[in-house]
PDB file of N, CA and C in Angstrom:
ATOM      1  N   MET A   1     -34.790 -12.721   8.590  1.00  0.00           N
ATOM      2  CA  MET A   1     -34.720 -12.357   7.190  1.00  0.00           C
ATOM      3  C   MET A   1     -33.489 -11.479   7.009  1.00  0.00           C
ATOM      4  N   LEU A   2     -32.594 -11.892   6.125  1.00  0.00           N
ATOM      5  CA  LEU A   2     -31.391 -11.142   5.801  1.00  0.00           C
ATOM      6  C   LEU A   2     -31.471 -10.719   4.339  1.00  0.00           C
ATOM      7  N   GLN A   3     -30.677  -9.704   3.988  1.00  0.00           N
ATOM      8  CA  GLN A   3     -30.745  -9.185   2.629  1.00  0.00           C
ATOM      9  C   GLN A   3     -29.347  -9.061   2.032  1.00  0.00           C
ATOM     10  N   ASN A   4     -29.193  -9.565   0.818  1.00  0.00           N
ATOM     11  CA  ASN A   4     -27.998  -9.365  -0.002  1.00  0.00           C
ATOM     12  C   ASN A   4     -26.684  -9.729   0.694  1.00  0.00           C
ATOM     13  N   LEU A   5     -26.614 -10.875   1.326  1.00  0.00           N
ATOM     14  CA  LEU A   5     -25.360 -11.324   1.943  1.00  0.00           C
ATOM     15  C   LEU A   5     -24.382 -11.712   0.841  1.00  0.00           C
ATOM     16  N   GLU A   6     -23.260 -11.006   0.783  1.00  0.00           N
ATOM     17  CA  GLU A   6     -22.311 -11.239  -0.303  1.00  0.00           C
ATOM     18  C   GLU A   6     -21.761 -12.660  -0.297  1.00  0.00           C
ATOM     19  N   GLU A   7     -21.420 -13.174   0.854  1.00  0.00           N
ATOM     20  CA  GLU A   7     -20.857 -14.520   0.937  1.00  0.00           C
ATOM     21  C   GLU A   7     -21.827 -15.549   0.348  1.00  0.00           C
ATOM     22  N   VAL A   8     -23.097 -15.425   0.680  1.00  0.00           N
ATOM     23  CA  VAL A   8     -24.106 -16.347   0.158  1.00  0.00           C
ATOM     24  C   VAL A   8     -24.262 -16.137  -1.345  1.00  0.00           C
ATOM     25  N   TYR A   9     -24.253 -14.883  -1.796  1.00  0.00           N
ATOM     26  CA  TYR A   9     -24.369 -14.582  -3.224  1.00  0.00           C
ATOM     27  C   TYR A   9     -23.258 -15.274  -4.012  1.00  0.00           C
ATOM     28  N   TRP A  10     -22.005 -15.147  -3.535  1.00  0.00           N
ATOM     29  CA  TRP A  10     -20.884 -15.731  -4.273  1.00  0.00           C
ATOM     30  C   TRP A  10     -20.915 -17.255  -4.226  1.00  0.00           C
ATOM     31  N   GLN A  11     -21.423 -17.823  -3.151  1.00  0.00           N
ATOM     32  CA  GLN A  11     -21.596 -19.279  -3.113  1.00  0.00           C
ATOM     33  C   GLN A  11     -22.608 -19.721  -4.174  1.00  0.00           C
ATOM     34  N   LEU A  12     -23.685 -18.970  -4.293  1.00  0.00           N
ATOM     35  CA  LEU A  12     -24.679 -19.263  -5.330  1.00  0.00           C
ATOM     36  C   LEU A  12     -24.085 -19.078  -6.720  1.00  0.00           C
ATOM     37  N   ALA A  13     -23.301 -18.015  -6.894  1.00  0.00           N
ATOM     38  CA  ALA A  13     -22.694 -17.736  -8.196  1.00  0.00           C
ATOM     39  C   ALA A  13     -21.748 -18.856  -8.610  1.00  0.00           C
ATOM     40  N   GLU A  14     -21.021 -19.429  -7.662  1.00  0.00           N
ATOM     41  CA  GLU A  14     -20.131 -20.542  -7.977  1.00  0.00           C
ATOM     42  C   GLU A  14     -20.906 -21.728  -8.537  1.00  0.00           C
ATOM     43  N   ARG A  15     -22.154 -21.873  -8.126  1.00  0.00           N
ATOM     44  CA  ARG A  15     -22.998 -22.969  -8.600  1.00  0.00           C
ATOM     45  C   ARG A  15     -23.861 -22.548  -9.792  1.00  0.00           C
ATOM     46  N   GLY A  16     -23.671 -21.323 -10.277  1.00  0.00           N
ATOM     47  CA  GLY A  16     -24.451 -20.835 -11.405  1.00  0.00           C
ATOM     48  C   GLY A  16     -25.872 -20.459 -11.033  1.00  0.00           C
ATOM     49  N   GLN A  17     -26.109 -20.130  -9.763  1.00  0.00           N
ATOM     50  CA  GLN A  17     -27.455 -19.820  -9.283  1.00  0.00           C
ATOM     51  C   GLN A  17     -27.585 -18.391  -8.758  1.00  0.00           C
ATOM     52  N   GLU A  18     -26.794 -17.465  -9.309  1.00  0.00           N
ATOM     53  CA  GLU A  18     -26.819 -16.093  -8.792  1.00  0.00           C
ATOM     54  C   GLU A  18     -28.111 -15.351  -9.066  1.00  0.00           C
ATOM     55  N   GLN A  19     -29.004 -15.904  -9.866  1.00  0.00           N
ATOM     56  CA  GLN A  19     -30.281 -15.253 -10.159  1.00  0.00           C
ATOM     57  C   GLN A  19     -31.376 -15.617  -9.161  1.00  0.00           C
ATOM     58  N   VAL A  20     -31.057 -16.417  -8.153  1.00  0.00           N
ATOM     59  CA  VAL A  20     -32.034 -16.833  -7.147  1.00  0.00           C
ATOM     60  C   VAL A  20     -32.455 -15.626  -6.319  1.00  0.00           C
ATOM     61  N   ASP A  21     -33.756 -15.510  -6.032  1.00  0.00           N
ATOM     62  CA  ASP A  21     -34.271 -14.370  -5.268  1.00  0.00           C
ATOM     63  C   ASP A  21     -34.245 -14.595  -3.756  1.00  0.00           C
ATOM     64  N   VAL A  22     -34.495 -15.829  -3.312  1.00  0.00           N
ATOM     65  CA  VAL A  22     -34.567 -16.141  -1.880  1.00  0.00           C
ATOM     66  C   VAL A  22     -33.860 -17.469  -1.628  1.00  0.00           C
ATOM     67  N   VAL A  23     -33.085 -17.528  -0.539  1.00  0.00           N
ATOM     68  CA  VAL A  23     -32.385 -18.744  -0.146  1.00  0.00           C
ATOM     69  C   VAL A  23     -32.734 -19.043   1.306  1.00  0.00           C
ATOM     70  N   THR A  24     -32.987 -20.311   1.601  1.00  0.00           N
ATOM     71  CA  THR A  24     -33.208 -20.727   2.982  1.00  0.00           C
ATOM     72  C   THR A  24     -31.850 -21.021   3.609  1.00  0.00           C
ATOM     73  N   LEU A  25     -31.542 -20.335   4.697  1.00  0.00           N
ATOM     74  CA  LEU A  25     -30.268 -20.521   5.383  1.00  0.00           C
ATOM     75  C   LEU A  25     -30.380 -21.517   6.527  1.00  0.00           C
ATOM     76  N   GLY A  26     -31.575 -21.772   6.963  1.00  0.00           N
ATOM     77  CA  GLY A  26     -31.834 -22.682   8.072  1.00  0.00           C
ATOM     78  C   GLY A  26     -33.287 -22.537   8.476  1.00  0.00           C
ATOM     79  N   PRO A  27     -33.689 -23.243   9.498  1.00  0.00           N
ATOM     80  CA  PRO A  27     -35.083 -23.137   9.947  1.00  0.00           C
ATOM     81  C   PRO A  27     -35.439 -21.689  10.320  1.00  0.00           C
ATOM     82  N   GLY A  28     -36.380 -21.123   9.585  1.00  0.00           N
ATOM     83  CA  GLY A  28     -36.824 -19.755   9.868  1.00  0.00           C
ATOM     84  C   GLY A  28     -35.820 -18.681   9.505  1.00  0.00           C
ATOM     85  N   ARG A  29     -34.767 -19.011   8.739  1.00  0.00           N
ATOM     86  CA  ARG A  29     -33.722 -18.050   8.353  1.00  0.00           C
ATOM     87  C   ARG A  29     -33.647 -18.000   6.826  1.00  0.00           C
ATOM     88  N   TYR A  30     -33.801 -16.788   6.278  1.00  0.00           N
ATOM     89  CA  TYR A  30     -33.827 -16.614   4.833  1.00  0.00           C
ATOM     90  C   TYR A  30     -32.940 -15.446   4.430  1.00  0.00           C
ATOM     91  N   CYS A  31     -32.451 -15.505   3.201  1.00  0.00           N
ATOM     92  CA  CYS A  31     -31.704 -14.393   2.623  1.00  0.00           C
ATOM     93  C   CYS A  31     -32.395 -14.018   1.320  1.00  0.00           C
ATOM     94  N   VAL A  32     -32.727 -12.745   1.187  1.00  0.00           N
ATOM     95  CA  VAL A  32     -33.400 -12.214   0.006  1.00  0.00           C
ATOM     96  C   VAL A  32     -32.377 -11.418  -0.804  1.00  0.00           C
ATOM     97  N   PHE A  33     -32.381 -11.626  -2.111  1.00  0.00           N
ATOM     98  CA  PHE A  33     -31.468 -10.894  -2.996  1.00  0.00           C
ATOM     99  C   PHE A  33     -32.263  -9.998  -3.935  1.00  0.00           C
ATOM    100  N   ASN A  34     -31.898  -8.713  -3.959  1.00  0.00           N
ATOM    101  CA  ASN A  34     -32.509  -7.804  -4.920  1.00  0.00           C
ATOM    102  C   ASN A  34     -31.463  -7.055  -5.739  1.00  0.00           C
ATOM    103  N   THR A  35     -30.184  -7.383  -5.497  1.00  0.00           N
ATOM    104  CA  THR A  35     -29.108  -6.774  -6.275  1.00  0.00           C
ATOM    105  C   THR A  35     -27.833  -7.588  -6.104  1.00  0.00           C
ATOM    106  N   SER A  36     -26.883  -7.403  -7.008  1.00  0.00           N
ATOM    107  CA  SER A  36     -25.593  -8.083  -6.899  1.00  0.00           C
ATOM    108  C   SER A  36     -24.665  -7.269  -6.006  1.00  0.00           C
ATOM    109  N   PRO A  37     -23.614  -7.882  -5.470  1.00  0.00           N
ATOM    110  CA  PRO A  37     -22.657  -7.130  -4.647  1.00  0.00           C
ATOM    111  C   PRO A  37     -22.005  -5.972  -5.403  1.00  0.00           C
ATOM    112  N   ILE A  38     -21.744  -6.159  -6.685  1.00  0.00           N
ATOM    113  CA  ILE A  38     -21.115  -5.082  -7.460  1.00  0.00           C
ATOM    114  C   ILE A  38     -22.077  -3.914  -7.627  1.00  0.00           C
ATOM    115  N   ALA A  39     -23.332  -4.193  -7.928  1.00  0.00           N
ATOM    116  CA  ALA A  39     -24.326  -3.124  -8.059  1.00  0.00           C
ATOM    117  C   ALA A  39     -24.527  -2.420  -6.718  1.00  0.00           C
ATOM    118  N   LYS A  40     -24.523  -3.183  -5.647  1.00  0.00           N
ATOM    119  CA  LYS A  40     -24.679  -2.601  -4.312  1.00  0.00           C
ATOM    120  C   LYS A  40     -23.510  -1.666  -3.990  1.00  0.00           C
ATOM    121  N   TYR A  41     -22.297  -2.111  -4.285  1.00  0.00           N
ATOM    122  CA  TYR A  41     -21.128  -1.282  -4.021  1.00  0.00           C
ATOM    123  C   TYR A  41     -21.148  -0.016  -4.879  1.00  0.00           C
ATOM    124  N   GLU A  42     -21.495  -0.158  -6.142  1.00  0.00           N
ATOM    125  CA  GLU A  42     -21.518   1.005  -7.037  1.00  0.00           C
ATOM    126  C   GLU A  42     -22.529   2.047  -6.565  1.00  0.00           C
ATOM    127  N   ALA A  43     -23.696   1.606  -6.120  1.00  0.00           N
ATOM    128  CA  ALA A  43     -24.700   2.537  -5.599  1.00  0.00           C
ATOM    129  C   ALA A  43     -24.168   3.250  -4.351  1.00  0.00           C
ATOM    130  N   TYR A  44     -23.487   2.514  -3.500  1.00  0.00           N
ATOM    131  CA  TYR A  44     -22.910   3.108  -2.288  1.00  0.00           C
ATOM    132  C   TYR A  44     -21.824   4.124  -2.644  1.00  0.00           C
ATOM    133  N   ARG A  45     -20.971   3.785  -3.609  1.00  0.00           N
ATOM    134  CA  ARG A  45     -19.908   4.693  -4.036  1.00  0.00           C
ATOM    135  C   ARG A  45     -20.495   5.985  -4.599  1.00  0.00           C
ATOM    136  N   ARG A  46     -21.539   5.859  -5.412  1.00  0.00           N
ATOM    137  CA  ARG A  46     -22.177   7.050  -5.979  1.00  0.00           C
ATOM    138  C   ARG A  46     -22.809   7.909  -4.893  1.00  0.00           C
ATOM    139  N   THR A  47     -23.404   7.280  -3.891  1.00  0.00           N
ATOM    140  CA  THR A  47     -23.989   8.029  -2.774  1.00  0.00           C
ATOM    141  C   THR A  47     -22.914   8.822  -2.044  1.00  0.00           C
ATOM    142  N   LEU A  48     -21.766   8.213  -1.807  1.00  0.00           N
ATOM    143  CA  LEU A  48     -20.662   8.921  -1.153  1.00  0.00           C
ATOM    144  C   LEU A  48     -20.203  10.110  -1.985  1.00  0.00           C
ATOM    145  N   GLU A  49     -20.158   9.934  -3.307  1.00  0.00           N
ATOM    146  CA  GLU A  49     -19.772  11.049  -4.171  1.00  0.00           C
ATOM    147  C   GLU A  49     -20.757  12.199  -4.062  1.00  0.00           C
ATOM    148  N   VAL A  50     -22.039  11.877  -4.026  1.00  0.00           N
ATOM    149  CA  VAL A  50     -23.061  12.925  -3.903  1.00  0.00           C
ATOM    150  C   VAL A  50     -22.885  13.648  -2.574  1.00  0.00           C
ATOM    151  N   TRP A  51     -22.679  12.896  -1.504  1.00  0.00           N
ATOM    152  CA  TRP A  51     -22.511  13.506  -0.185  1.00  0.00           C
ATOM    153  C   TRP A  51     -21.275  14.404  -0.139  1.00  0.00           C
ATOM    154  N   GLN A  52     -20.247  14.023  -0.891  1.00  0.00           N
ATOM    155  CA  GLN A  52     -19.019  14.818  -0.910  1.00  0.00           C
ATOM    156  C   GLN A  52     -19.094  15.959  -1.913  1.00  0.00           C
ATOM    157  N   GLY A  53     -20.155  16.000  -2.701  1.00  0.00           N
ATOM    158  CA  GLY A  53     -20.315  17.053  -3.693  1.00  0.00           C
ATOM    159  C   GLY A  53     -19.537  16.796  -4.965  1.00  0.00           C
ATOM    160  N   ASP A  54     -18.993  15.577  -5.125  1.00  0.00           N
ATOM    161  CA  ASP A  54     -18.187  15.256  -6.299  1.00  0.00           C
ATOM    162  C   ASP A  54     -19.016  14.892  -7.517  1.00  0.00           C
ATOM    163  N   ALA A  55     -20.291  14.675  -7.354  1.00  0.00           N
ATOM    164  CA  ALA A  55     -21.110  14.195  -8.470  1.00  0.00           C
ATOM    165  C   ALA A  55     -21.695  15.329  -9.304  1.00  0.00           C
ATOM    166  N   ASP A  56     -21.378  16.588  -8.981  1.00  0.00           N
ATOM    167  CA  ASP A  56     -21.938  17.714  -9.722  1.00  0.00           C
ATOM    168  C   ASP A  56     -21.468  17.745 -11.172  1.00  0.00           C
ATOM    169  N   ASP A  57     -20.207  17.449 -11.398  1.00  0.00           N
ATOM    170  CA  ASP A  57     -19.655  17.480 -12.741  1.00  0.00           C
ATOM    171  C   ASP A  57     -19.330  16.051 -13.172  1.00  0.00           C
ATOM    172  N   GLN A  58     -20.170  15.467 -13.996  1.00  0.00           N
ATOM    173  CA  GLN A  58     -20.009  14.068 -14.406  1.00  0.00           C
ATOM    174  C   GLN A  58     -18.723  13.825 -15.183  1.00  0.00           C
ATOM    175  N   ASP A  59     -18.134  14.858 -15.790  1.00  0.00           N
ATOM    176  CA  ASP A  59     -16.897  14.681 -16.548  1.00  0.00           C
ATOM    177  C   ASP A  59     -15.707  14.395 -15.641  1.00  0.00           C
ATOM    178  N   ASP A  60     -15.780  14.776 -14.373  1.00  0.00           N
ATOM    179  CA  ASP A  60     -14.651  14.626 -13.459  1.00  0.00           C
ATOM    180  C   ASP A  60     -14.774  13.437 -12.518  1.00  0.00           C
ATOM    181  N   VAL A  61     -15.723  12.551 -12.758  1.00  0.00           N
ATOM    182  CA  VAL A  61     -15.922  11.401 -11.878  1.00  0.00           C
ATOM    183  C   VAL A  61     -14.790  10.406 -12.109  1.00  0.00           C
ATOM    184  N   ASP A  62     -14.105  10.047 -11.027  1.00  0.00           N
ATOM    185  CA  ASP A  62     -13.007   9.084 -11.092  1.00  0.00           C
ATOM    186  C   ASP A  62     -13.533   7.713 -10.684  1.00  0.00           C
ATOM    187  N   LEU A  63     -13.576   6.801 -11.614  1.00  0.00           N
ATOM    188  CA  LEU A  63     -14.094   5.456 -11.358  1.00  0.00           C
ATOM    189  C   LEU A  63     -12.979   4.449 -11.071  1.00  0.00           C
ATOM    190  N   THR A  64     -11.777   4.934 -10.820  1.00  0.00           N
ATOM    191  CA  THR A  64     -10.636   4.042 -10.598  1.00  0.00           C
ATOM    192  C   THR A  64     -10.903   3.053  -9.475  1.00  0.00           C
ATOM    193  N   SER A  65     -11.365   3.537  -8.323  1.00  0.00           N
ATOM    194  CA  SER A  65     -11.596   2.628  -7.203  1.00  0.00           C
ATOM    195  C   SER A  65     -12.688   1.616  -7.521  1.00  0.00           C
ATOM    196  N   THR A  66     -13.677   2.013  -8.288  1.00  0.00           N
ATOM    197  CA  THR A  66     -14.738   1.087  -8.683  1.00  0.00           C
ATOM    198  C   THR A  66     -14.168  -0.019  -9.567  1.00  0.00           C
ATOM    199  N   VAL A  67     -13.329   0.354 -10.512  1.00  0.00           N
ATOM    200  CA  VAL A  67     -12.721  -0.637 -11.401  1.00  0.00           C
ATOM    201  C   VAL A  67     -11.840  -1.586 -10.603  1.00  0.00           C
ATOM    202  N   TYR A  68     -11.020  -1.053  -9.691  1.00  0.00           N
ATOM    203  CA  TYR A  68     -10.160  -1.910  -8.862  1.00  0.00           C
ATOM    204  C   TYR A  68     -10.998  -2.879  -8.036  1.00  0.00           C
ATOM    205  N   ASN A  69     -12.079  -2.406  -7.474  1.00  0.00           N
ATOM    206  CA  ASN A  69     -12.929  -3.281  -6.667  1.00  0.00           C
ATOM    207  C   ASN A  69     -13.618  -4.339  -7.522  1.00  0.00           C
ATOM    208  N   MET A  70     -13.994  -3.983  -8.725  1.00  0.00           N
ATOM    209  CA  MET A  70     -14.589  -4.979  -9.623  1.00  0.00           C
ATOM    210  C   MET A  70     -13.561  -6.039  -9.995  1.00  0.00           C
ATOM    211  N   ILE A  71     -12.336  -5.606 -10.280  1.00  0.00           N
ATOM    212  CA  ILE A  71     -11.264  -6.557 -10.596  1.00  0.00           C
ATOM    213  C   ILE A  71     -11.020  -7.473  -9.407  1.00  0.00           C
ATOM    214  N   ASP A  72     -10.937  -6.901  -8.199  1.00  0.00           N
ATOM    215  CA  ASP A  72     -10.740  -7.713  -6.993  1.00  0.00           C
ATOM    216  C   ASP A  72     -11.868  -8.724  -6.820  1.00  0.00           C
ATOM    217  N   THR A  73     -13.096  -8.292  -7.057  1.00  0.00           N
ATOM    218  CA  THR A  73     -14.251  -9.182  -6.912  1.00  0.00           C
ATOM    219  C   THR A  73     -14.188 -10.322  -7.916  1.00  0.00           C
ATOM    220  N   ILE A  74     -13.856 -10.012  -9.144  1.00  0.00           N
ATOM    221  CA  ILE A  74     -13.760 -11.043 -10.177  1.00  0.00           C
ATOM    222  C   ILE A  74     -12.624 -12.016  -9.863  1.00  0.00           C
ATOM    223  N   LEU A  75     -11.464 -11.486  -9.468  1.00  0.00           N
ATOM    224  CA  LEU A  75     -10.340 -12.357  -9.124  1.00  0.00           C
ATOM    225  C   LEU A  75     -10.672 -13.251  -7.940  1.00  0.00           C
ATOM    226  N   LYS A  76     -11.339 -12.695  -6.946  1.00  0.00           N
ATOM    227  CA  LYS A  76     -11.726 -13.498  -5.784  1.00  0.00           C
ATOM    228  C   LYS A  76     -12.677 -14.610  -6.208  1.00  0.00           C
ATOM    229  N   PHE A  77     -13.639 -14.280  -7.043  1.00  0.00           N
ATOM    230  CA  PHE A  77     -14.590 -15.271  -7.528  1.00  0.00           C
ATOM    231  C   PHE A  77     -13.881 -16.379  -8.303  1.00  0.00           C
ATOM    232  N   LEU A  78     -12.883 -16.001  -9.106  1.00  0.00           N
ATOM    233  CA  LEU A  78     -12.130 -16.975  -9.892  1.00  0.00           C
ATOM    234  C   LEU A  78     -11.044 -17.671  -9.075  1.00  0.00           C
ATOM    235  N   ARG A  79     -10.915 -17.254  -7.815  1.00  0.00           N
ATOM    236  CA  ARG A  79      -9.898 -17.798  -6.898  1.00  0.00           C
ATOM    237  C   ARG A  79      -8.482 -17.575  -7.433  1.00  0.00           C
ATOM    238  N   VAL A  80      -8.260 -16.364  -7.929  1.00  0.00           N
ATOM    239  CA  VAL A  80      -6.951 -15.958  -8.421  1.00  0.00           C
ATOM    240  C   VAL A  80      -6.367 -14.987  -7.402  1.00  0.00           C
ATOM    241  N   ASP A  81      -5.190 -15.324  -6.880  1.00  0.00           N
ATOM    242  CA  ASP A  81      -4.527 -14.474  -5.897  1.00  0.00           C
ATOM    243  C   ASP A  81      -3.687 -13.426  -6.622  1.00  0.00           C
ATOM    244  N   LYS A  82      -4.074 -12.173  -6.516  1.00  0.00           N
ATOM    245  CA  LYS A  82      -3.387 -11.105  -7.246  1.00  0.00           C
ATOM    246  C   LYS A  82      -1.965 -10.872  -6.748  1.00  0.00           C
ATOM    247  N   TYR A  83      -1.619 -11.442  -5.599  1.00  0.00           N
ATOM    248  CA  TYR A  83      -0.278 -11.281  -5.041  1.00  0.00           C
ATOM    249  C   TYR A  83       0.677 -12.388  -5.478  1.00  0.00           C
ATOM    250  N   THR A  84       0.164 -13.473  -6.076  1.00  0.00           N
ATOM    251  CA  THR A  84       1.047 -14.558  -6.516  1.00  0.00           C
ATOM    252  C   THR A  84       0.974 -14.810  -8.017  1.00  0.00           C
ATOM    253  N   HIS A  85      -0.099 -14.427  -8.683  1.00  0.00           N
ATOM    254  CA  HIS A  85      -0.214 -14.610 -10.132  1.00  0.00           C
ATOM    255  C   HIS A  85       0.409 -13.410 -10.846  1.00  0.00           C
ATOM    256  N   PHE A  86       0.979 -13.682 -12.002  1.00  0.00           N
ATOM    257  CA  PHE A  86       1.661 -12.617 -12.720  1.00  0.00           C
ATOM    258  C   PHE A  86       1.242 -12.575 -14.184  1.00  0.00           C
ATOM    259  N   VAL A  87       1.666 -11.509 -14.845  1.00  0.00           N
ATOM    260  CA  VAL A  87       1.384 -11.289 -16.268  1.00  0.00           C
ATOM    261  C   VAL A  87       2.715 -11.092 -16.972  1.00  0.00           C
ATOM    262  N   ASN A  88       2.875 -11.769 -18.122  1.00  0.00           N
ATOM    263  CA  ASN A  88       4.058 -11.540 -18.957  1.00  0.00           C
ATOM    264  C   ASN A  88       3.828 -10.267 -19.756  1.00  0.00           C
ATOM    265  N   ARG A  89       4.790  -9.371 -19.723  1.00  0.00           N
ATOM    266  CA  ARG A  89       4.672  -8.103 -20.448  1.00  0.00           C
ATOM    267  C   ARG A  89       5.691  -8.076 -21.583  1.00  0.00           C
ATOM    268  N   ASN A  90       5.201  -8.147 -22.809  1.00  0.00           N
ATOM    269  CA  ASN A  90       6.041  -8.069 -24.016  1.00  0.00           C
ATOM    270  C   ASN A  90       7.173  -9.087 -24.014  1.00  0.00           C
ATOM    271  N   GLY A  91       7.026 -10.183 -23.300  1.00  0.00           N
ATOM    272  CA  GLY A  91       8.063 -11.201 -23.253  1.00  0.00           C
ATOM    273  C   GLY A  91       9.323 -10.765 -22.530  1.00  0.00           C
ATOM    274  N   ARG A  92       9.320  -9.571 -21.935  1.00  0.00           N
ATOM    275  CA  ARG A  92      10.526  -9.046 -21.279  1.00  0.00           C
ATOM    276  C   ARG A  92      10.472  -9.138 -19.777  1.00  0.00           C
ATOM    277  N   SER A  93       9.292  -8.978 -19.220  1.00  0.00           N
ATOM    278  CA  SER A  93       9.219  -8.939 -17.765  1.00  0.00           C
ATOM    279  C   SER A  93       7.922  -9.566 -17.281  1.00  0.00           C
ATOM    280  N   ARG A  94       7.919  -9.902 -16.007  1.00  0.00           N
ATOM    281  CA  ARG A  94       6.726 -10.430 -15.363  1.00  0.00           C
ATOM    282  C   ARG A  94       6.318  -9.443 -14.275  1.00  0.00           C
ATOM    283  N   ASP A  95       5.047  -9.143 -14.248  1.00  0.00           N
ATOM    284  CA  ASP A  95       4.532  -8.264 -13.203  1.00  0.00           C
ATOM    285  C   ASP A  95       3.395  -8.985 -12.494  1.00  0.00           C
ATOM    286  N   PHE A  96       3.377  -8.870 -11.174  1.00  0.00           N
ATOM    287  CA  PHE A  96       2.265  -9.435 -10.423  1.00  0.00           C
ATOM    288  C   PHE A  96       0.996  -8.658 -10.737  1.00  0.00           C
ATOM    289  N   LEU A  97      -0.128  -9.344 -10.709  1.00  0.00           N
ATOM    290  CA  LEU A  97      -1.403  -8.692 -11.031  1.00  0.00           C
ATOM    291  C   LEU A  97      -1.618  -7.432 -10.206  1.00  0.00           C
ATOM    292  N   VAL A  98      -1.292  -7.494  -8.918  1.00  0.00           N
ATOM    293  CA  VAL A  98      -1.512  -6.339  -8.053  1.00  0.00           C
ATOM    294  C   VAL A  98      -0.694  -5.129  -8.517  1.00  0.00           C
ATOM    295  N   ASP A  99       0.481  -5.369  -9.107  1.00  0.00           N
ATOM    296  CA  ASP A  99       1.309  -4.264  -9.592  1.00  0.00           C
ATOM    297  C   ASP A  99       0.766  -3.664 -10.884  1.00  0.00           C
ATOM    298  N   ILE A 100       0.046  -4.451 -11.657  1.00  0.00           N
ATOM    299  CA  ILE A 100      -0.530  -3.977 -12.916  1.00  0.00           C
ATOM    300  C   ILE A 100      -1.607  -2.920 -12.655  1.00  0.00           C
ATOM    301  N   TYR A 101      -2.297  -3.033 -11.524  1.00  0.00           N
ATOM    302  CA  TYR A 101      -3.388  -2.109 -11.198  1.00  0.00           C
ATOM    303  C   TYR A 101      -2.977  -0.650 -11.353  1.00  0.00           C
ATOM    304  N   ARG A 102      -1.804  -0.312 -10.952  1.00  0.00           N
ATOM    305  CA  ARG A 102      -1.399   1.098 -10.901  1.00  0.00           C
ATOM    306  C   ARG A 102      -0.889   1.627 -12.227  1.00  0.00           C
ATOM    307  N   ARG A 103      -0.827   0.776 -13.215  1.00  0.00           N
ATOM    308  CA  ARG A 103      -0.352   1.231 -14.524  1.00  0.00           C
ATOM    309  C   ARG A 103      -1.520   1.739 -15.337  1.00  0.00           C
ATOM    310  N   SER A 104      -1.329   2.804 -16.020  1.00  0.00           N
ATOM    311  CA  SER A 104      -2.440   3.411 -16.755  1.00  0.00           C
ATOM    312  C   SER A 104      -2.834   2.622 -18.010  1.00  0.00           C
ATOM    313  N   THR A 105      -1.844   2.053 -18.734  1.00  0.00           N
ATOM    314  CA  THR A 105      -2.168   1.308 -19.946  1.00  0.00           C
ATOM    315  C   THR A 105      -1.352   0.018 -19.962  1.00  0.00           C
ATOM    316  N   PRO A 106      -1.821  -1.011 -19.261  1.00  0.00           N
ATOM    317  CA  PRO A 106      -1.063  -2.262 -19.255  1.00  0.00           C
ATOM    318  C   PRO A 106      -1.076  -2.926 -20.625  1.00  0.00           C
ATOM    319  N   ASP A 107       0.026  -3.564 -20.952  1.00  0.00           N
ATOM    320  CA  ASP A 107       0.151  -4.319 -22.193  1.00  0.00           C
ATOM    321  C   ASP A 107       0.221  -5.790 -21.827  1.00  0.00           C
ATOM    322  N   TRP A 108      -0.952  -6.424 -21.702  1.00  0.00           N
ATOM    323  CA  TRP A 108      -1.020  -7.815 -21.249  1.00  0.00           C
ATOM    324  C   TRP A 108      -0.932  -8.748 -22.434  1.00  0.00           C
ATOM    325  N   THR A 109      -0.051  -9.721 -22.328  1.00  0.00           N
ATOM    326  CA  THR A 109       0.023 -10.712 -23.391  1.00  0.00           C
ATOM    327  C   THR A 109      -0.492 -12.064 -22.912  1.00  0.00           C
ATOM    328  N   THR A 110       0.040 -12.556 -21.809  1.00  0.00           N
ATOM    329  CA  THR A 110      -0.442 -13.828 -21.269  1.00  0.00           C
ATOM    330  C   THR A 110      -0.403 -13.778 -19.760  1.00  0.00           C
ATOM    331  N   ALA A 111      -1.357 -14.397 -19.131  1.00  0.00           N
ATOM    332  CA  ALA A 111      -1.388 -14.474 -17.673  1.00  0.00           C
ATOM    333  C   ALA A 111      -1.165 -15.910 -17.258  1.00  0.00           C
ATOM    334  N   LYS A 112      -0.454 -16.101 -16.169  1.00  0.00           N
ATOM    335  CA  LYS A 112      -0.221 -17.449 -15.654  1.00  0.00           C
ATOM    336  C   LYS A 112      -0.630 -17.514 -14.209  1.00  0.00           C
TER     337      LYS A 112
END
């Protein structure tokens, strides 16, 4: 019995079956799902913050890494390579998706 295998979850999600609770992986082998990979990661990140004492003041919580990881997860699911796909910015320049991450207020017009 295995629990919340991300690879299996994303395979199910590709088929539109991410709400499945149990999957048979083989004879006598099962995977049980009780949360999504993003929810699992967020819970882990919050636990680390508590252990580090960073969760005392909710106004100072930096969710940047959580947002980056969510973007990476979505891009991976969509099979978009952030190192080769780019965004047109105001018709003047092209920036690779990975470079957009570090900008505080991206002005996205079209992605290719």
